[in-house]
Amino acid sequence: MYLDTSDRGNNWHRPLLYILKHRKPVPCDDIVKWQRWFARASLKRSPKRHVRRTFIGSTMISTVFLGVDHSFNDTPMLFETMVLDTEWHEPIRSVTWRQALKQHWDSVGKANDRLQRT
């Protein structure tokens, strides 16, 4: 499955769906294959899609592989970190597993600092 970007002046198609192989995003043009991979990778104890999850008090920081490109530009955004507490937080998106892990720990540090200030 590909994203048609011809309406933006581009004459190319870009992958929309991805799976992970050894923590690296790989385009997947077969929606059935993608759905099966995503279902298996989303099981509760599966480490395939979940980069990291950390709790600090009642705050949960969760970083996951999305499997679908969520960008609005030329760089696919495939990972997302969310800080879940009583306040609304925008998702922070990343391109690679390594970037996502760094973003996760940066968010953990910020949540920890916020908790210590209260």
C-alpha atoms as a PDB file:
ATOM      1  CA  MET A   1       0.000   0.000   0.000  1.00  0.00           C
ATOM      2  CA  TYR A   2       1.474   3.303  -1.081  1.00  0.00           C
ATOM      3  CA  LEU A   3       0.755   6.960  -0.449  1.00  0.00           C
ATOM      4  CA  ASP A   4       0.161   8.902  -3.670  1.00  0.00           C
ATOM      5  CA  THR A   5       1.970  12.227  -3.393  1.00  0.00           C
ATOM      6  CA  SER A   6       1.279  13.451  -6.921  1.00  0.00           C
ATOM      7  CA  ASP A   7      -1.111  16.106  -5.567  1.00  0.00           C
ATOM      8  CA  ARG A   8       1.918  17.693  -3.828  1.00  0.00           C
ATOM      9  CA  GLY A   9       3.854  18.066  -7.069  1.00  0.00           C
ATOM     10  CA  ASN A  10       5.702  14.767  -6.661  1.00  0.00           C
ATOM     11  CA  ASN A  11       5.568  12.044  -9.263  1.00  0.00           C
ATOM     12  CA  TRP A  12       6.233   9.153  -6.927  1.00  0.00           C
ATOM     13  CA  HIS A  13       4.487   6.884  -4.497  1.00  0.00           C
ATOM     14  CA  ARG A  14       5.743   6.337  -0.981  1.00  0.00           C
ATOM     15  CA  PRO A  15       5.170   3.280   1.225  1.00  0.00           C
ATOM     16  CA  LEU A  16       2.422   3.725   3.791  1.00  0.00           C
ATOM     17  CA  LEU A  17       2.644   0.427   5.707  1.00  0.00           C
ATOM     18  CA  TYR A  18       5.761  -0.924   7.425  1.00  0.00           C
ATOM     19  CA  ILE A  19       6.800  -3.917   9.492  1.00  0.00           C
ATOM     20  CA  LEU A  20       9.909  -4.293  11.631  1.00  0.00           C
ATOM     21  CA  LYS A  21      12.768  -6.648  10.851  1.00  0.00           C
ATOM     22  CA  HIS A  22      15.493  -6.594  13.485  1.00  0.00           C
ATOM     23  CA  ARG A  23      14.086  -3.267  14.748  1.00  0.00           C
ATOM     24  CA  LYS A  24      14.397  -1.664  11.311  1.00  0.00           C
ATOM     25  CA  PRO A  25      11.270  -0.471   9.444  1.00  0.00           C
ATOM     26  CA  VAL A  26      10.695  -2.278   6.165  1.00  0.00           C
ATOM     27  CA  PRO A  27       7.981  -1.196   3.676  1.00  0.00           C
ATOM     28  CA  CYS A  28       5.165  -3.711   3.270  1.00  0.00           C
ATOM     29  CA  ASP A  29       2.976  -3.540   0.170  1.00  0.00           C
ATOM     30  CA  ASP A  30       0.791  -6.520   1.136  1.00  0.00           C
ATOM     31  CA  ILE A  31      -1.969  -5.396   3.512  1.00  0.00           C
ATOM     32  CA  VAL A  32      -2.789  -8.978   4.599  1.00  0.00           C
ATOM     33  CA  LYS A  33       0.868  -9.669   5.450  1.00  0.00           C
ATOM     34  CA  TRP A  34       1.047  -6.336   7.293  1.00  0.00           C
ATOM     35  CA  GLN A  35      -2.155  -7.063   9.254  1.00  0.00           C
ATOM     36  CA  ARG A  36      -0.913 -10.501  10.325  1.00  0.00           C
ATOM     37  CA  TRP A  37       2.471  -9.115  11.374  1.00  0.00           C
ATOM     38  CA  PHE A  38       0.855  -6.221  13.236  1.00  0.00           C
ATOM     39  CA  ALA A  39      -1.591  -8.513  15.068  1.00  0.00           C
ATOM     40  CA  ARG A  40       1.219 -10.829  16.234  1.00  0.00           C
ATOM     41  CA  ALA A  41       3.487  -7.910  17.133  1.00  0.00           C
ATOM     42  CA  SER A  42       0.728  -6.258  19.172  1.00  0.00           C
ATOM     43  CA  LEU A  43       0.215  -9.164  21.568  1.00  0.00           C
ATOM     44  CA  LYS A  44       0.469  -8.111  25.209  1.00  0.00           C
ATOM     45  CA  ARG A  45       3.882  -9.625  25.899  1.00  0.00           C
ATOM     46  CA  SER A  46       5.383  -9.162  22.431  1.00  0.00           C
ATOM     47  CA  PRO A  47       8.492  -6.947  22.324  1.00  0.00           C
ATOM     48  CA  LYS A  48       8.253  -6.558  18.541  1.00  0.00           C
ATOM     49  CA  ARG A  49       6.161  -3.370  18.460  1.00  0.00           C
ATOM     50  CA  HIS A  50       6.718  -1.981  21.946  1.00  0.00           C
ATOM     51  CA  VAL A  51       9.970  -0.045  22.196  1.00  0.00           C
ATOM     52  CA  ARG A  52       9.606   0.728  25.897  1.00  0.00           C
ATOM     53  CA  ARG A  53       7.026   1.457  28.594  1.00  0.00           C
ATOM     54  CA  THR A  54       7.938   3.204  31.843  1.00  0.00           C
ATOM     55  CA  PHE A  55       5.850   4.206  34.868  1.00  0.00           C
ATOM     56  CA  ILE A  56       6.704   7.152  37.107  1.00  0.00           C
ATOM     57  CA  GLY A  57       4.064   7.449  39.794  1.00  0.00           C
ATOM     58  CA  SER A  58       0.735   7.545  37.957  1.00  0.00           C
ATOM     59  CA  THR A  59       2.379   8.671  34.701  1.00  0.00           C
ATOM     60  CA  MET A  60       3.032   6.168  31.925  1.00  0.00           C
ATOM     61  CA  ILE A  61       5.494   6.858  29.132  1.00  0.00           C
ATOM     62  CA  SER A  62       4.887   4.539  26.189  1.00  0.00           C
ATOM     63  CA  THR A  63       6.883   4.273  22.964  1.00  0.00           C
ATOM     64  CA  VAL A  64       5.646   2.040  20.156  1.00  0.00           C
ATOM     65  CA  PHE A  65       6.174   1.253  16.484  1.00  0.00           C
ATOM     66  CA  LEU A  66       3.081   2.489  14.625  1.00  0.00           C
ATOM     67  CA  GLY A  67       3.396   0.426  11.449  1.00  0.00           C
ATOM     68  CA  VAL A  68       1.774   3.227   9.432  1.00  0.00           C
ATOM     69  CA  ASP A  69       3.554   6.334   8.208  1.00  0.00           C
ATOM     70  CA  HIS A  70       2.125   9.288  10.182  1.00  0.00           C
ATOM     71  CA  SER A  71       4.177  12.038   8.544  1.00  0.00           C
ATOM     72  CA  PHE A  72       3.066  14.883   6.337  1.00  0.00           C
ATOM     73  CA  ASN A  73       6.427  15.283   4.630  1.00  0.00           C
ATOM     74  CA  ASP A  74       9.063  13.163   2.915  1.00  0.00           C
ATOM     75  CA  THR A  75      10.359  11.409   6.056  1.00  0.00           C
ATOM     76  CA  PRO A  76       8.214   8.525   7.344  1.00  0.00           C
ATOM     77  CA  MET A  77       7.305   8.880  11.024  1.00  0.00           C
ATOM     78  CA  LEU A  78       6.855   5.336  12.274  1.00  0.00           C
ATOM     79  CA  PHE A  79       7.374   5.447  16.062  1.00  0.00           C
ATOM     80  CA  GLU A  80       5.443   7.369  18.702  1.00  0.00           C
ATOM     81  CA  THR A  81       6.117   8.314  22.317  1.00  0.00           C
ATOM     82  CA  MET A  82       3.176   9.338  24.494  1.00  0.00           C
ATOM     83  CA  VAL A  83       3.256  10.631  28.050  1.00  0.00           C
ATOM     84  CA  LEU A  84      -0.019   9.572  29.621  1.00  0.00           C
ATOM     85  CA  ASP A  85      -1.120  11.346  32.791  1.00  0.00           C
ATOM     86  CA  THR A  86      -3.814  13.820  33.761  1.00  0.00           C
ATOM     87  CA  GLU A  87      -2.576  16.418  31.253  1.00  0.00           C
ATOM     88  CA  TRP A  88      -2.837  16.226  27.470  1.00  0.00           C
ATOM     89  CA  HIS A  89       0.436  15.641  25.670  1.00  0.00           C
ATOM     90  CA  GLU A  90       1.088  15.706  21.977  1.00  0.00           C
ATOM     91  CA  PRO A  91       2.614  12.551  20.548  1.00  0.00           C
ATOM     92  CA  ILE A  92       6.314  12.733  19.762  1.00  0.00           C
ATOM     93  CA  ARG A  93       7.139  10.860  16.573  1.00  0.00           C
ATOM     94  CA  SER A  94      10.421   9.347  15.424  1.00  0.00           C
ATOM     95  CA  VAL A  95      11.866   7.720  12.324  1.00  0.00           C
ATOM     96  CA  THR A  96      14.033   4.921  13.781  1.00  0.00           C
ATOM     97  CA  TRP A  97      14.003   2.572  16.774  1.00  0.00           C
ATOM     98  CA  ARG A  98      17.121   4.283  18.136  1.00  0.00           C
ATOM     99  CA  GLN A  99      15.561   7.754  17.881  1.00  0.00           C
ATOM    100  CA  ALA A 100      12.381   6.434  19.492  1.00  0.00           C
ATOM    101  CA  LEU A 101      14.323   4.972  22.411  1.00  0.00           C
ATOM    102  CA  LYS A 102      16.188   8.248  22.938  1.00  0.00           C
ATOM    103  CA  GLN A 103      12.911  10.173  22.807  1.00  0.00           C
ATOM    104  CA  HIS A 104      11.416   7.740  25.322  1.00  0.00           C
ATOM    105  CA  TRP A 105      14.210   8.292  27.850  1.00  0.00           C
ATOM    106  CA  ASP A 106      14.113  12.077  27.277  1.00  0.00           C
ATOM    107  CA  SER A 107      10.378  11.975  28.072  1.00  0.00           C
ATOM    108  CA  VAL A 108      11.028   9.823  31.164  1.00  0.00           C
ATOM    109  CA  GLY A 109      13.526  12.416  32.383  1.00  0.00           C
ATOM    110  CA  LYS A 110      11.049  15.262  31.867  1.00  0.00           C
ATOM    111  CA  ALA A 111       8.276  13.343  33.649  1.00  0.00           C
ATOM    112  CA  ASN A 112      10.616  12.552  36.519  1.00  0.00           C
ATOM    113  CA  ASP A 113      11.641  16.226  36.818  1.00  0.00           C
ATOM    114  CA  ARG A 114       7.968  17.260  36.823  1.00  0.00           C
ATOM    115  CA  LEU A 115       7.166  14.728  39.547  1.00  0.00           C
ATOM    116  CA  GLN A 116      10.036  15.930  41.748  1.00  0.00           C
ATOM    117  CA  ARG A 117       8.852  19.548  41.454  1.00  0.00           C
ATOM    118  CA  THR A 118       5.435  18.687  42.878  1.00  0.00           C
END
